[in-house]
Amino acid sequence: MKAIICRRYGTADDLELYDLPEPEAGEGEVVVKVAAAALNFFDTLLIAGKYQVKPDFPFSPAAEFAGTVHEVGPGVTGFEIGDRVMSYAAYGAAREYYVQKASRLVKVPDSLDLDRAAGLSVTYGTTIHALKDRAKLKAGETLAVLGAAGGTGLAAVEIGKLMGARVIACASSDEKCAFAKKHGADETINYAANDLRAELKRLGGRHGIDVIYDPVGDRYAEPALRSMAWAGRYLVIGFAAGEIPKIPLNLVLLKSCDIVGVHWGAFVARDPEAEAANMNEIVRWCADGKLSAHVHAVYPLSETAQALKDIAARKIMGKAILKP
């Protein structure tokens, strides 16, 4: 089978397209023929050795995928050859076949195409956990989303609206703001052209922003935190802008607000039943047309390096998909 392989830490151009033996299913496992694998920003960090997860070499990028069941291992029930499935892999899905524990697979209804299903696990899984489990977002609250045109940002805009929030989408260009508004944002802020703190203060009014969803970090974190409401919740999702911000804790005291970490990968491992319930809800919403699971671009496996470069250059709105 064909696979994209990382043999040493480096850049996207150091990745190789390689032939590997086709895998076999062990006890409790399923071999999935990958129809689509999705890339995320953290894949750019993973291949550079800058991510908290450091797989043994050689490994493949791509943490999520969708496809059809190719082989069922001993002890597996509930899945048959040909079933349409999706899953979270942590890494390794940029290949033609992937072996996964049957317990980690979610069936994909016929009304949901596999390209869109491939990109649901990380972005929408992270977001429903963040907004529902960690922030306990309530209908009528104001949610501000940084990086609102990216994969997780778009998911936050859409799920926030489904949960009844007023959503302020913050992004780095007018084009990205328009994209977020098309997907349900009530208000937008171009923080490349406007002062983020001033705009959040204007749109939040005297009350302030109830929940901040931040996958960006860097210089945007503190002005966003300064705009929070009393007893607000600041969701730490990631640091796509590069630097991990240093937060003055007096702001947390003065606003009596919470800074809430969202480590979705650890949540998957620690509470798989709750994560499975969240993902089943996401799949239903997407199949019913309530979530877009927007695919920005589709790349053949041989163009994985270009896909990662486009993600790093902030060119992707929604998801970048690989097609083995």
C-alpha atoms as a PDB file:
ATOM      1  CA  MET A   1       0.000   0.000   0.000  1.00  0.00           C
ATOM      2  CA  LYS A   2       1.025   3.629  -0.484  1.00  0.00           C
ATOM      3  CA  ALA A   3       1.771   5.715   2.596  1.00  0.00           C
ATOM      4  CA  ILE A   4       3.268   9.101   3.398  1.00  0.00           C
ATOM      5  CA  ILE A   5       6.215   8.496   5.724  1.00  0.00           C
ATOM      6  CA  CYS A   6       8.132  10.801   8.061  1.00  0.00           C
ATOM      7  CA  ARG A   7      11.580   9.283   8.724  1.00  0.00           C
ATOM      8  CA  ARG A   8      13.087  12.266  10.557  1.00  0.00           C
ATOM      9  CA  TYR A   9      11.892  15.587  11.902  1.00  0.00           C
ATOM     10  CA  GLY A  10      11.911  18.314   9.289  1.00  0.00           C
ATOM     11  CA  THR A  11       9.627  20.106   6.861  1.00  0.00           C
ATOM     12  CA  ALA A  12       6.763  18.933   4.682  1.00  0.00           C
ATOM     13  CA  ASP A  13       9.234  18.508   1.807  1.00  0.00           C
ATOM     14  CA  ASP A  14      11.082  15.838   3.811  1.00  0.00           C
ATOM     15  CA  LEU A  15       8.074  13.504   3.739  1.00  0.00           C
ATOM     16  CA  GLU A  16       8.244  10.465   1.429  1.00  0.00           C
ATOM     17  CA  LEU A  17       5.621   8.517  -0.528  1.00  0.00           C
ATOM     18  CA  TYR A  18       6.483   4.926   0.257  1.00  0.00           C
ATOM     19  CA  ASP A  19       5.252   1.365  -0.380  1.00  0.00           C
ATOM     20  CA  LEU A  20       4.427  -0.614   2.763  1.00  0.00           C
ATOM     21  CA  PRO A  21       2.940  -4.102   3.264  1.00  0.00           C
ATOM     22  CA  GLU A  22      -0.831  -4.141   3.544  1.00  0.00           C
ATOM     23  CA  PRO A  23      -1.764  -4.548   7.255  1.00  0.00           C
ATOM     24  CA  GLU A  24      -3.769  -7.365   8.828  1.00  0.00           C
ATOM     25  CA  ALA A  25      -6.441  -7.109  11.519  1.00  0.00           C
ATOM     26  CA  GLY A  26      -5.619  -8.529  14.942  1.00  0.00           C
ATOM     27  CA  GLU A  27      -7.886  -9.355  17.868  1.00  0.00           C
ATOM     28  CA  GLY A  28     -10.556  -6.668  18.225  1.00  0.00           C
ATOM     29  CA  GLU A  29      -9.240  -4.756  15.209  1.00  0.00           C
ATOM     30  CA  VAL A  30     -10.546  -3.703  11.820  1.00  0.00           C
ATOM     31  CA  VAL A  31      -8.616  -2.840   8.665  1.00  0.00           C
ATOM     32  CA  VAL A  32     -10.159   0.211   7.015  1.00  0.00           C
ATOM     33  CA  LYS A  33      -9.601   1.062   3.361  1.00  0.00           C
ATOM     34  CA  VAL A  34      -9.029   4.801   3.687  1.00  0.00           C
ATOM     35  CA  ALA A  35     -11.196   6.881   1.355  1.00  0.00           C
ATOM     36  CA  ALA A  36     -10.150  10.215   2.866  1.00  0.00           C
ATOM     37  CA  ALA A  37      -7.747  11.364   5.575  1.00  0.00           C
ATOM     38  CA  ALA A  38      -7.860  14.839   7.113  1.00  0.00           C
ATOM     39  CA  LEU A  39      -4.927  17.044   8.049  1.00  0.00           C
ATOM     40  CA  ASN A  40      -4.820  19.565  10.894  1.00  0.00           C
ATOM     41  CA  PHE A  41      -2.483  22.371  11.917  1.00  0.00           C
ATOM     42  CA  PHE A  42      -0.821  20.165  14.517  1.00  0.00           C
ATOM     43  CA  ASP A  43       0.394  17.861  11.723  1.00  0.00           C
ATOM     44  CA  THR A  44       2.797  20.633  10.732  1.00  0.00           C
ATOM     45  CA  LEU A  45       4.171  20.549  14.284  1.00  0.00           C
ATOM     46  CA  LEU A  46       4.181  16.747  14.473  1.00  0.00           C
ATOM     47  CA  ILE A  47       6.542  16.303  11.497  1.00  0.00           C
ATOM     48  CA  ALA A  48       8.821  19.057  12.857  1.00  0.00           C
ATOM     49  CA  GLY A  49       9.126  17.469  16.322  1.00  0.00           C
ATOM     50  CA  LYS A  50       7.397  20.456  17.938  1.00  0.00           C
ATOM     51  CA  TYR A  51       4.199  18.721  19.072  1.00  0.00           C
ATOM     52  CA  GLN A  52       3.563  17.168  22.495  1.00  0.00           C
ATOM     53  CA  VAL A  53       3.043  13.776  20.818  1.00  0.00           C
ATOM     54  CA  LYS A  54       6.280  12.350  19.370  1.00  0.00           C
ATOM     55  CA  PRO A  55       5.691   9.061  17.518  1.00  0.00           C
ATOM     56  CA  ASP A  56       8.485   6.598  16.861  1.00  0.00           C
ATOM     57  CA  PHE A  57       9.981   6.811  13.377  1.00  0.00           C
ATOM     58  CA  PRO A  58       8.848   6.077  10.762  1.00  0.00           C
ATOM     59  CA  PHE A  59       5.296   7.393  11.063  1.00  0.00           C
ATOM     60  CA  SER A  60       2.602   8.964   8.896  1.00  0.00           C
ATOM     61  CA  PRO A  61       0.776  12.235   9.590  1.00  0.00           C
ATOM     62  CA  ALA A  62      -3.045  12.651   9.536  1.00  0.00           C
ATOM     63  CA  ALA A  63      -4.994  12.070  12.718  1.00  0.00           C
ATOM     64  CA  GLU A  64      -8.431  11.304  11.316  1.00  0.00           C
ATOM     65  CA  PHE A  65      -9.903   9.344   8.440  1.00  0.00           C
ATOM     66  CA  ALA A  66     -12.989   7.794   6.890  1.00  0.00           C
ATOM     67  CA  GLY A  67     -13.382   4.799   4.630  1.00  0.00           C
ATOM     68  CA  THR A  68     -14.857   1.314   4.329  1.00  0.00           C
ATOM     69  CA  VAL A  69     -14.227  -1.815   6.373  1.00  0.00           C
ATOM     70  CA  HIS A  70     -11.766  -4.014   4.453  1.00  0.00           C
ATOM     71  CA  GLU A  71     -11.092  -6.773   6.996  1.00  0.00           C
ATOM     72  CA  VAL A  72     -12.593  -7.698  10.377  1.00  0.00           C
ATOM     73  CA  GLY A  73     -10.359  -9.269  13.012  1.00  0.00           C
ATOM     74  CA  PRO A  74     -11.209 -11.984  15.556  1.00  0.00           C
ATOM     75  CA  GLY A  75     -13.587 -10.968  18.325  1.00  0.00           C
ATOM     76  CA  VAL A  76     -15.053  -8.000  16.436  1.00  0.00           C
ATOM     77  CA  THR A  77     -18.828  -7.631  16.398  1.00  0.00           C
ATOM     78  CA  GLY A  78     -21.002  -4.912  14.926  1.00  0.00           C
ATOM     79  CA  PHE A  79     -18.921  -4.297  11.795  1.00  0.00           C
ATOM     80  CA  GLU A  80     -18.951  -6.029   8.423  1.00  0.00           C
ATOM     81  CA  ILE A  81     -16.829  -5.720   5.285  1.00  0.00           C
ATOM     82  CA  GLY A  82     -18.052  -2.722   3.306  1.00  0.00           C
ATOM     83  CA  ASP A  83     -19.389  -0.723   6.270  1.00  0.00           C
ATOM     84  CA  ARG A  84     -18.718   3.017   6.008  1.00  0.00           C
ATOM     85  CA  VAL A  85     -16.767   4.223   9.067  1.00  0.00           C
ATOM     86  CA  MET A  86     -14.736   7.120  10.468  1.00  0.00           C
ATOM     87  CA  SER A  87     -12.252   7.396  13.323  1.00  0.00           C
ATOM     88  CA  TYR A  88      -9.608   9.369  15.204  1.00  0.00           C
ATOM     89  CA  ALA A  89      -6.109   7.934  14.859  1.00  0.00           C
ATOM     90  CA  ALA A  90      -3.833  10.458  16.691  1.00  0.00           C
ATOM     91  CA  TYR A  91      -1.488  10.113  13.678  1.00  0.00           C
ATOM     92  CA  GLY A  92      -0.773   7.635  10.883  1.00  0.00           C
ATOM     93  CA  ALA A  93      -3.800   7.855   8.575  1.00  0.00           C
ATOM     94  CA  ALA A  94      -2.020   9.239   5.482  1.00  0.00           C
ATOM     95  CA  ARG A  95      -2.025   5.810   3.858  1.00  0.00           C
ATOM     96  CA  GLU A  96      -4.266   3.493   1.859  1.00  0.00           C
ATOM     97  CA  TYR A  97      -5.154   1.120   4.719  1.00  0.00           C
ATOM     98  CA  TYR A  98      -5.288   1.739   8.458  1.00  0.00           C
ATOM     99  CA  VAL A  99      -5.700  -0.736  11.331  1.00  0.00           C
ATOM    100  CA  GLN A 100      -7.944   0.545  14.103  1.00  0.00           C
ATOM    101  CA  LYS A 101      -9.559  -0.872  17.225  1.00  0.00           C
ATOM    102  CA  ALA A 102     -13.186  -1.613  16.464  1.00  0.00           C
ATOM    103  CA  SER A 103     -14.203   0.268  19.606  1.00  0.00           C
ATOM    104  CA  ARG A 104     -12.782   3.485  18.100  1.00  0.00           C
ATOM    105  CA  LEU A 105     -14.851   3.337  14.882  1.00  0.00           C
ATOM    106  CA  VAL A 106     -18.045   5.304  14.270  1.00  0.00           C
ATOM    107  CA  LYS A 107     -20.420   4.261  11.494  1.00  0.00           C
ATOM    108  CA  VAL A 108     -21.083   6.881   8.818  1.00  0.00           C
ATOM    109  CA  PRO A 109     -24.652   7.163   7.474  1.00  0.00           C
ATOM    110  CA  ASP A 110     -25.177   7.061   3.708  1.00  0.00           C
ATOM    111  CA  SER A 111     -26.307  10.696   3.733  1.00  0.00           C
ATOM    112  CA  LEU A 112     -22.820  11.864   4.793  1.00  0.00           C
ATOM    113  CA  ASP A 113     -20.009  11.694   2.236  1.00  0.00           C
ATOM    114  CA  LEU A 114     -16.697  10.227   3.383  1.00  0.00           C
ATOM    115  CA  ASP A 115     -14.633  13.328   2.541  1.00  0.00           C
ATOM    116  CA  ARG A 116     -16.598  15.389   5.050  1.00  0.00           C
ATOM    117  CA  ALA A 117     -16.784  12.541   7.572  1.00  0.00           C
ATOM    118  CA  ALA A 118     -12.976  12.268   7.558  1.00  0.00           C
ATOM    119  CA  GLY A 119     -12.624  15.777   8.980  1.00  0.00           C
ATOM    120  CA  LEU A 120     -15.129  15.541  11.828  1.00  0.00           C
ATOM    121  CA  SER A 121     -13.224  13.855  14.648  1.00  0.00           C
ATOM    122  CA  VAL A 122     -10.606  16.409  15.676  1.00  0.00           C
ATOM    123  CA  THR A 123     -12.217  19.771  14.963  1.00  0.00           C
ATOM    124  CA  TYR A 124     -15.826  19.025  15.825  1.00  0.00           C
ATOM    125  CA  GLY A 125     -14.891  16.517  18.538  1.00  0.00           C
ATOM    126  CA  THR A 126     -12.648  19.087  20.207  1.00  0.00           C
ATOM    127  CA  THR A 127     -15.284  21.782  19.901  1.00  0.00           C
ATOM    128  CA  ILE A 128     -18.301  19.937  21.264  1.00  0.00           C
ATOM    129  CA  HIS A 129     -16.146  18.824  24.214  1.00  0.00           C
ATOM    130  CA  ALA A 130     -14.941  22.404  24.731  1.00  0.00           C
ATOM    131  CA  LEU A 131     -18.302  24.153  24.501  1.00  0.00           C
ATOM    132  CA  LYS A 132     -20.538  21.519  26.077  1.00  0.00           C
ATOM    133  CA  ASP A 133     -18.341  19.718  28.612  1.00  0.00           C
ATOM    134  CA  ARG A 134     -15.770  22.354  29.580  1.00  0.00           C
ATOM    135  CA  ALA A 135     -17.449  25.769  29.108  1.00  0.00           C
ATOM    136  CA  LYS A 136     -21.027  24.559  29.647  1.00  0.00           C
ATOM    137  CA  LEU A 137     -22.141  27.154  27.105  1.00  0.00           C
ATOM    138  CA  LYS A 138     -25.720  28.301  27.610  1.00  0.00           C
ATOM    139  CA  ALA A 139     -28.245  29.542  25.075  1.00  0.00           C
ATOM    140  CA  GLY A 140     -28.206  33.334  24.941  1.00  0.00           C
ATOM    141  CA  GLU A 141     -24.553  33.681  25.997  1.00  0.00           C
ATOM    142  CA  THR A 142     -21.994  35.454  23.807  1.00  0.00           C
ATOM    143  CA  LEU A 143     -19.225  33.302  22.337  1.00  0.00           C
ATOM    144  CA  ALA A 144     -16.174  34.841  20.653  1.00  0.00           C
ATOM    145  CA  VAL A 145     -14.183  32.524  18.380  1.00  0.00           C
ATOM    146  CA  LEU A 146     -10.588  33.328  17.425  1.00  0.00           C
ATOM    147  CA  GLY A 147      -9.257  31.857  14.172  1.00  0.00           C
ATOM    148  CA  ALA A 148     -12.874  31.459  13.146  1.00  0.00           C
ATOM    149  CA  ALA A 149     -12.221  30.372   9.546  1.00  0.00           C
ATOM    150  CA  GLY A 150      -9.900  27.485  10.434  1.00  0.00           C
ATOM    151  CA  GLY A 151     -11.037  23.932  11.097  1.00  0.00           C
ATOM    152  CA  THR A 152     -11.666  24.212  14.837  1.00  0.00           C
ATOM    153  CA  GLY A 153     -12.795  27.832  14.544  1.00  0.00           C
ATOM    154  CA  LEU A 154     -15.443  26.985  11.958  1.00  0.00           C
ATOM    155  CA  ALA A 155     -16.628  24.098  14.149  1.00  0.00           C
ATOM    156  CA  ALA A 156     -16.949  26.501  17.097  1.00  0.00           C
ATOM    157  CA  VAL A 157     -18.992  28.974  15.048  1.00  0.00           C
ATOM    158  CA  GLU A 158     -21.392  26.248  13.895  1.00  0.00           C
ATOM    159  CA  ILE A 159     -21.747  24.351  17.175  1.00  0.00           C
ATOM    160  CA  GLY A 160     -22.024  27.606  19.125  1.00  0.00           C
ATOM    161  CA  LYS A 161     -24.981  28.610  16.968  1.00  0.00           C
ATOM    162  CA  LEU A 162     -26.592  25.192  17.376  1.00  0.00           C
ATOM    163  CA  MET A 163     -26.286  25.601  21.156  1.00  0.00           C
ATOM    164  CA  GLY A 164     -28.077  28.956  20.977  1.00  0.00           C
ATOM    165  CA  ALA A 165     -25.167  31.337  21.527  1.00  0.00           C
ATOM    166  CA  ARG A 166     -24.571  34.725  19.942  1.00  0.00           C
ATOM    167  CA  VAL A 167     -21.349  34.101  17.991  1.00  0.00           C
ATOM    168  CA  ILE A 168     -18.645  36.681  17.254  1.00  0.00           C
ATOM    169  CA  ALA A 169     -16.199  35.319  14.666  1.00  0.00           C
ATOM    170  CA  CYS A 170     -12.674  36.771  14.798  1.00  0.00           C
ATOM    171  CA  ALA A 171     -10.332  36.144  11.861  1.00  0.00           C
ATOM    172  CA  SER A 172      -7.370  37.657  10.022  1.00  0.00           C
ATOM    173  CA  SER A 173      -9.018  38.887   6.810  1.00  0.00           C
ATOM    174  CA  ASP A 174     -12.303  40.196   5.458  1.00  0.00           C
ATOM    175  CA  GLU A 175     -12.568  37.060   3.291  1.00  0.00           C
ATOM    176  CA  LYS A 176     -12.287  34.809   6.336  1.00  0.00           C
ATOM    177  CA  CYS A 177     -14.789  36.930   8.264  1.00  0.00           C
ATOM    178  CA  ALA A 178     -17.262  36.646   5.378  1.00  0.00           C
ATOM    179  CA  PHE A 179     -16.715  32.877   5.334  1.00  0.00           C
ATOM    180  CA  ALA A 180     -17.478  32.635   9.063  1.00  0.00           C
ATOM    181  CA  LYS A 181     -20.586  34.796   8.676  1.00  0.00           C
ATOM    182  CA  LYS A 182     -21.809  32.543   5.871  1.00  0.00           C
ATOM    183  CA  HIS A 183     -21.553  29.652   8.330  1.00  0.00           C
ATOM    184  CA  GLY A 184     -23.624  31.292  11.035  1.00  0.00           C
ATOM    185  CA  ALA A 185     -21.593  33.968  12.851  1.00  0.00           C
ATOM    186  CA  ASP A 186     -23.697  36.884  14.086  1.00  0.00           C
ATOM    187  CA  GLU A 187     -20.834  39.408  14.146  1.00  0.00           C
ATOM    188  CA  THR A 188     -17.272  39.408  12.824  1.00  0.00           C
ATOM    189  CA  ILE A 189     -13.950  41.072  13.699  1.00  0.00           C
ATOM    190  CA  ASN A 190     -10.993  41.308  11.334  1.00  0.00           C
ATOM    191  CA  TYR A 191      -8.215  41.450  13.928  1.00  0.00           C
ATOM    192  CA  ALA A 192      -5.575  42.125  11.287  1.00  0.00           C
ATOM    193  CA  ALA A 193      -7.255  45.442  10.466  1.00  0.00           C
ATOM    194  CA  ASN A 194      -8.888  46.337  13.802  1.00  0.00           C
ATOM    195  CA  ASP A 195      -7.998  46.377  17.492  1.00  0.00           C
ATOM    196  CA  LEU A 196      -9.279  43.067  18.866  1.00  0.00           C
ATOM    197  CA  ARG A 197      -9.805  44.291  22.428  1.00  0.00           C
ATOM    198  CA  ALA A 198     -11.675  47.427  21.341  1.00  0.00           C
ATOM    199  CA  GLU A 199     -13.927  45.501  18.973  1.00  0.00           C
ATOM    200  CA  LEU A 200     -14.716  42.783  21.507  1.00  0.00           C
ATOM    201  CA  LYS A 201     -15.489  45.484  24.087  1.00  0.00           C
ATOM    202  CA  ARG A 202     -17.789  47.205  21.601  1.00  0.00           C
ATOM    203  CA  LEU A 203     -19.630  44.032  20.631  1.00  0.00           C
ATOM    204  CA  GLY A 204     -19.663  42.603  24.158  1.00  0.00           C
ATOM    205  CA  GLY A 205     -21.072  45.787  25.669  1.00  0.00           C
ATOM    206  CA  ARG A 206     -21.175  46.344  29.417  1.00  0.00           C
ATOM    207  CA  HIS A 207     -21.707  42.643  30.053  1.00  0.00           C
ATOM    208  CA  GLY A 208     -18.648  41.392  28.122  1.00  0.00           C
ATOM    209  CA  ILE A 209     -17.919  38.093  26.384  1.00  0.00           C
ATOM    210  CA  ASP A 210     -19.132  34.982  28.211  1.00  0.00           C
ATOM    211  CA  VAL A 211     -16.935  32.411  26.455  1.00  0.00           C
ATOM    212  CA  ILE A 212     -13.713  32.828  24.456  1.00  0.00           C
ATOM    213  CA  TYR A 213     -12.708  29.942  22.169  1.00  0.00           C
ATOM    214  CA  ASP A 214      -8.989  30.330  21.420  1.00  0.00           C
ATOM    215  CA  PRO A 215      -7.056  27.982  19.109  1.00  0.00           C
ATOM    216  CA  VAL A 216      -4.672  30.839  18.184  1.00  0.00           C
ATOM    217  CA  GLY A 217      -2.877  32.100  21.325  1.00  0.00           C
ATOM    218  CA  ASP A 218       0.092  34.466  20.959  1.00  0.00           C
ATOM    219  CA  ARG A 219      -0.664  38.214  21.081  1.00  0.00           C
ATOM    220  CA  TYR A 220      -4.412  37.696  20.714  1.00  0.00           C
ATOM    221  CA  ALA A 221      -4.918  35.931  24.036  1.00  0.00           C
ATOM    222  CA  GLU A 222      -4.566  38.799  26.505  1.00  0.00           C
ATOM    223  CA  PRO A 223      -6.801  41.329  24.691  1.00  0.00           C
ATOM    224  CA  ALA A 224      -9.444  38.625  24.354  1.00  0.00           C
ATOM    225  CA  LEU A 225      -9.220  37.804  28.070  1.00  0.00           C
ATOM    226  CA  ARG A 226      -9.546  41.499  28.955  1.00  0.00           C
ATOM    227  CA  SER A 227     -12.901  41.520  27.149  1.00  0.00           C
ATOM    228  CA  MET A 228     -14.484  38.773  29.235  1.00  0.00           C
ATOM    229  CA  ALA A 229     -17.646  38.986  31.284  1.00  0.00           C
ATOM    230  CA  TRP A 230     -17.814  38.356  35.017  1.00  0.00           C
ATOM    231  CA  ALA A 231     -17.594  34.558  35.535  1.00  0.00           C
ATOM    232  CA  GLY A 232     -16.665  34.066  31.877  1.00  0.00           C
ATOM    233  CA  ARG A 233     -14.789  31.014  30.575  1.00  0.00           C
ATOM    234  CA  TYR A 234     -11.641  31.234  28.461  1.00  0.00           C
ATOM    235  CA  LEU A 235     -11.092  28.010  26.473  1.00  0.00           C
ATOM    236  CA  VAL A 236      -7.458  27.198  25.706  1.00  0.00           C
ATOM    237  CA  ILE A 237      -7.567  25.112  22.507  1.00  0.00           C
ATOM    238  CA  GLY A 238      -4.120  25.620  20.959  1.00  0.00           C
ATOM    239  CA  PHE A 239      -1.459  28.026  19.764  1.00  0.00           C
ATOM    240  CA  ALA A 240      -1.666  28.226  15.972  1.00  0.00           C
ATOM    241  CA  ALA A 241      -0.147  31.740  15.943  1.00  0.00           C
ATOM    242  CA  GLY A 242       3.085  30.374  17.380  1.00  0.00           C
ATOM    243  CA  GLU A 243       3.854  31.750  20.832  1.00  0.00           C
ATOM    244  CA  ILE A 244       2.299  30.376  24.014  1.00  0.00           C
ATOM    245  CA  PRO A 245       0.955  33.502  25.780  1.00  0.00           C
ATOM    246  CA  LYS A 246       1.807  34.517  29.348  1.00  0.00           C
ATOM    247  CA  ILE A 247      -1.434  35.593  31.042  1.00  0.00           C
ATOM    248  CA  PRO A 248      -1.458  38.196  33.872  1.00  0.00           C
ATOM    249  CA  LEU A 249      -3.375  36.333  36.560  1.00  0.00           C
ATOM    250  CA  ASN A 250      -4.687  39.555  38.101  1.00  0.00           C
ATOM    251  CA  LEU A 251      -7.114  39.695  35.131  1.00  0.00           C
ATOM    252  CA  VAL A 252      -8.537  36.319  36.134  1.00  0.00           C
ATOM    253  CA  LEU A 253      -8.980  37.539  39.705  1.00  0.00           C
ATOM    254  CA  LEU A 254     -10.610  40.861  38.739  1.00  0.00           C
ATOM    255  CA  LYS A 255     -13.103  39.248  36.366  1.00  0.00           C
ATOM    256  CA  SER A 256     -13.622  36.131  38.501  1.00  0.00           C
ATOM    257  CA  CYS A 257     -13.329  34.184  35.273  1.00  0.00           C
ATOM    258  CA  ASP A 258     -12.033  30.711  34.469  1.00  0.00           C
ATOM    259  CA  ILE A 259      -9.178  29.730  32.174  1.00  0.00           C
ATOM    260  CA  VAL A 260     -10.166  26.257  31.013  1.00  0.00           C
ATOM    261  CA  GLY A 261      -7.824  23.803  29.313  1.00  0.00           C
ATOM    262  CA  VAL A 262      -9.234  21.651  26.507  1.00  0.00           C
ATOM    263  CA  HIS A 263      -7.075  18.568  25.857  1.00  0.00           C
ATOM    264  CA  TRP A 264      -9.398  16.573  23.630  1.00  0.00           C
ATOM    265  CA  GLY A 265      -6.897  13.796  22.890  1.00  0.00           C
ATOM    266  CA  ALA A 266      -6.568  13.019  26.606  1.00  0.00           C
ATOM    267  CA  PHE A 267     -10.363  13.187  26.975  1.00  0.00           C
ATOM    268  CA  VAL A 268     -10.686  10.529  24.242  1.00  0.00           C
ATOM    269  CA  ALA A 269      -8.362   8.221  26.191  1.00  0.00           C
ATOM    270  CA  ARG A 270      -9.803   8.939  29.654  1.00  0.00           C
ATOM    271  CA  ASP A 271     -13.533   8.913  28.876  1.00  0.00           C
ATOM    272  CA  PRO A 272     -14.131   7.029  25.610  1.00  0.00           C
ATOM    273  CA  GLU A 273     -17.839   6.533  26.283  1.00  0.00           C
ATOM    274  CA  ALA A 274     -18.479  10.266  26.648  1.00  0.00           C
ATOM    275  CA  GLU A 275     -16.379  10.983  23.576  1.00  0.00           C
ATOM    276  CA  ALA A 276     -18.300   8.365  21.563  1.00  0.00           C
ATOM    277  CA  ALA A 277     -21.609   9.953  22.601  1.00  0.00           C
ATOM    278  CA  ASN A 278     -20.314  13.372  21.505  1.00  0.00           C
ATOM    279  CA  MET A 279     -19.149  12.030  18.129  1.00  0.00           C
ATOM    280  CA  ASN A 280     -22.417  10.222  17.463  1.00  0.00           C
ATOM    281  CA  GLU A 281     -24.189  13.525  18.044  1.00  0.00           C
ATOM    282  CA  ILE A 282     -21.780  15.323  15.688  1.00  0.00           C
ATOM    283  CA  VAL A 283     -22.320  12.701  12.962  1.00  0.00           C
ATOM    284  CA  ARG A 284     -26.116  13.023  13.313  1.00  0.00           C
ATOM    285  CA  TRP A 285     -25.957  16.826  13.100  1.00  0.00           C
ATOM    286  CA  CYS A 286     -23.732  16.664  10.037  1.00  0.00           C
ATOM    287  CA  ALA A 287     -25.853  14.040   8.292  1.00  0.00           C
ATOM    288  CA  ASP A 288     -28.941  16.206   8.978  1.00  0.00           C
ATOM    289  CA  GLY A 289     -27.254  19.233   7.383  1.00  0.00           C
ATOM    290  CA  LYS A 290     -26.854  21.176  10.647  1.00  0.00           C
ATOM    291  CA  LEU A 291     -23.045  21.233  10.363  1.00  0.00           C
ATOM    292  CA  SER A 292     -21.142  21.935   7.164  1.00  0.00           C
ATOM    293  CA  ALA A 293     -17.911  19.939   7.764  1.00  0.00           C
ATOM    294  CA  HIS A 294     -16.609  22.250   5.044  1.00  0.00           C
ATOM    295  CA  VAL A 295     -13.835  20.833   2.844  1.00  0.00           C
ATOM    296  CA  HIS A 296     -11.641  23.612   1.483  1.00  0.00           C
ATOM    297  CA  ALA A 297      -9.431  21.471  -0.741  1.00  0.00           C
ATOM    298  CA  VAL A 298      -8.757  17.836  -1.640  1.00  0.00           C
ATOM    299  CA  TYR A 299      -5.193  16.652  -2.382  1.00  0.00           C
ATOM    300  CA  PRO A 300      -3.918  13.312  -3.682  1.00  0.00           C
ATOM    301  CA  LEU A 301      -1.684  11.480  -1.234  1.00  0.00           C
ATOM    302  CA  SER A 302       1.336  12.433  -3.341  1.00  0.00           C
ATOM    303  CA  GLU A 303       0.641  16.137  -2.634  1.00  0.00           C
ATOM    304  CA  THR A 304       0.580  15.848   1.175  1.00  0.00           C
ATOM    305  CA  ALA A 305       3.519  18.250   1.435  1.00  0.00           C
ATOM    306  CA  GLN A 306       1.624  20.960  -0.455  1.00  0.00           C
ATOM    307  CA  ALA A 307      -1.458  20.440   1.726  1.00  0.00           C
ATOM    308  CA  LEU A 308       0.635  20.925   4.877  1.00  0.00           C
ATOM    309  CA  LYS A 309       2.266  24.050   3.415  1.00  0.00           C
ATOM    310  CA  ASP A 310      -1.177  25.495   2.649  1.00  0.00           C
ATOM    311  CA  ILE A 311      -2.299  24.818   6.226  1.00  0.00           C
ATOM    312  CA  ALA A 312       0.846  26.451   7.618  1.00  0.00           C
ATOM    313  CA  ALA A 313       0.287  29.487   5.361  1.00  0.00           C
ATOM    314  CA  ARG A 314      -3.278  29.891   6.729  1.00  0.00           C
ATOM    315  CA  LYS A 315      -4.781  29.315   3.276  1.00  0.00           C
ATOM    316  CA  ILE A 316      -7.237  26.635   4.389  1.00  0.00           C
ATOM    317  CA  MET A 317     -10.753  27.579   5.472  1.00  0.00           C
ATOM    318  CA  GLY A 318     -12.325  24.460   6.940  1.00  0.00           C
ATOM    319  CA  LYS A 319     -10.479  21.196   6.207  1.00  0.00           C
ATOM    320  CA  ALA A 320      -7.733  19.904   3.933  1.00  0.00           C
ATOM    321  CA  ILE A 321      -8.393  16.323   2.816  1.00  0.00           C
ATOM    322  CA  LEU A 322      -6.023  13.680   1.426  1.00  0.00           C
ATOM    323  CA  LYS A 323      -7.300  11.092  -1.052  1.00  0.00           C
ATOM    324  CA  PRO A 324      -5.294   7.847  -1.115  1.00  0.00           C
END
